[in-house]
């Protein structure tokens, strides 16, 4: 059982690496929180085809509702992990 859980965790971490890299690149002030312009850069780094409307929906309706100062990596993981 432990080996299966470790394998699953390793797979999740592999999926999160590009997301973590994009977050670090967007977090130019190294505060661990992305404001809307930084979040836009994060989203564009992951998917250049995202529109400004799509970015704003993610920022305001889904992610920022959980982290009032901006979007944290934890909030992004909470939003993405169920889809992985």
Protein backbone atom coordinates (compact mmCIF):
# COMPACT_ATOMS: atom_id res chain seq x y z
CA UNK A 1 0.00 0.00 0.00
CA UNK A 2 2.80 2.44 0.90
CA UNK A 3 4.52 1.81 -2.45
CA UNK A 4 1.29 2.58 -4.31
CA UNK A 5 0.78 5.82 -2.38
CA UNK A 6 4.38 6.85 -3.02
CA UNK A 7 3.97 6.16 -6.74
CA UNK A 8 0.76 8.22 -6.83
CA UNK A 9 2.42 11.12 -5.02
CA UNK A 10 5.36 10.99 -7.43
CA UNK A 11 2.97 11.16 -10.38
CA UNK A 12 1.19 14.18 -8.89
CA UNK A 13 4.52 15.93 -8.33
CA UNK A 14 5.51 15.33 -11.96
CA UNK A 15 2.26 16.99 -13.07
CA UNK A 16 2.83 19.93 -10.73
CA UNK A 17 6.42 20.70 -11.78
CA UNK A 18 5.50 22.80 -14.86
CA UNK A 19 2.89 24.59 -12.77
CA UNK A 20 5.37 25.29 -9.97
CA UNK A 21 7.95 26.52 -12.50
CA UNK A 22 5.39 28.86 -14.10
CA UNK A 23 4.32 30.15 -10.67
CA UNK A 24 7.93 30.89 -9.68
CA UNK A 25 8.51 32.73 -12.96
CA UNK A 26 5.36 34.84 -12.49
CA UNK A 27 6.08 35.60 -8.82
CA UNK A 28 8.63 38.30 -9.67
CA UNK A 29 8.49 39.79 -6.15
CA UNK A 30 8.95 36.37 -4.50
CA UNK A 31 5.94 36.94 -2.23
CA UNK A 32 4.20 33.62 -2.85
CA UNK A 33 1.09 35.46 -4.04
CA UNK A 34 0.18 36.48 -7.58
CA UNK A 35 -1.79 39.62 -8.31
CA UNK A 36 -3.89 39.78 -11.48
CA UNK A 37 -1.08 40.87 -13.88
CA UNK A 38 1.24 38.21 -12.46
CA UNK A 39 -1.52 35.61 -12.62
CA UNK A 40 -2.14 36.56 -16.26
CA UNK A 41 1.55 35.88 -16.97
CA UNK A 42 1.32 32.57 -15.12
CA UNK A 43 -1.70 31.49 -17.17
CA UNK A 44 -0.15 32.58 -20.47
CA UNK A 45 3.00 30.65 -19.65
CA UNK A 46 0.91 27.50 -19.25
CA UNK A 47 -1.51 28.19 -22.12
CA UNK A 48 -0.82 31.04 -24.53
CA UNK A 49 -4.31 30.72 -25.99
CA UNK A 50 -6.05 31.82 -22.77
CA UNK A 51 -8.07 34.97 -23.20
CA UNK A 52 -8.11 37.84 -20.71
CA UNK A 53 -11.71 36.94 -19.88
CA UNK A 54 -10.75 33.36 -19.04
CA UNK A 55 -7.89 34.55 -16.85
CA UNK A 56 -10.17 36.96 -14.97
CA UNK A 57 -12.78 34.26 -14.38
CA UNK A 58 -10.14 31.98 -12.88
CA UNK A 59 -8.64 34.76 -10.81
CA UNK A 60 -11.74 36.34 -9.37
CA UNK A 61 -14.35 33.60 -9.25
CA UNK A 62 -12.45 30.40 -8.56
CA UNK A 63 -9.07 31.13 -7.05
CA UNK A 64 -9.11 34.53 -5.37
CA UNK A 65 -12.27 33.63 -3.45
CA UNK A 66 -10.07 31.32 -1.37
CA UNK A 67 -7.05 33.61 -0.96
CA UNK A 68 -8.07 37.23 -0.60
CA UNK A 69 -4.66 38.88 -1.14
CA UNK A 70 -4.14 37.17 -4.47
CA UNK A 71 -3.59 33.71 -5.83
CA UNK A 72 -1.25 31.39 -3.96
CA UNK A 73 0.31 28.19 -5.23
CA UNK A 74 -1.84 26.32 -2.72
CA UNK A 75 -5.02 27.79 -4.23
CA UNK A 76 -3.87 26.78 -7.70
CA UNK A 77 -3.19 23.24 -6.50
CA UNK A 78 -6.61 23.03 -4.84
CA UNK A 79 -8.20 24.06 -8.12
CA UNK A 80 -6.10 21.78 -10.35
CA UNK A 81 -5.57 18.59 -8.40
CA UNK A 82 -9.16 17.34 -8.69
CA UNK A 83 -8.79 17.61 -12.48
CA UNK A 84 -5.54 15.62 -12.51
